[in-house]
Every structure is written in C-alpha cells, then in structure tokens.
C-alpha cells in the first residue's frame, strides 16, 4: 500500500519557528521579571535609605543621652559630696549642743 501523498519530514523549519516564538516569550518574561526586580530593588533601596536615616538620628540621640547621663552622674556625685558635708556639719553641731548641755 502506497500513500497518496508522500510524507515529508522536515524538522528544521518548524523547530526554528518554535524556537523563535519561545525566545520571544522568554524575552518578554525576562523583561517583565527585570521590571519587577527593578521595582523591588527601588523599594528596598528606599527602605535602606529610611533605615540609614533612622540609624543616624538614633546615633545622634544616643550621643545626646550619653552626654546627659554623664552630666547627671557628675551632678549626683557633687550632691553626694554636699550631703556628706551637711551630715558632718550636723554631727558637729549635735556634739557642740551635747557639750553645752553637759556643762550646764
């Protein structure tokens, strides 16, 4: 039995068409993915800028608080010294009063 129409097998042409169509689809997908990644990168860069600004502000505030803390510690030290002097003076006054009462 002979076929009416001979079967022609030519794989080169359809393979190129499929390949080109596939390449175009891949290129379109790659372009979409690239745009999405660019958008994500832009968003991440914005977030990084915001966080870096926040870090800078917090570092400044931290230095201010450290200076304030140091000042408060020095002030507390002076107040402790004054309190000791006052207590010593009170003790001396009490001793003098007790001596005066003992003499009477």
Foldseek 3Di string as FASTA:
>chain_A
DDDPDDDDDDDPVVVVVVVVVVVVVVVVVVVVVVVVVVVVVVVVVVVVVVVVVVVVVVVVVVVVVVVVVVVVVVVVVVVVVVVVVVVVVVVVVVVVVVVVVVVD
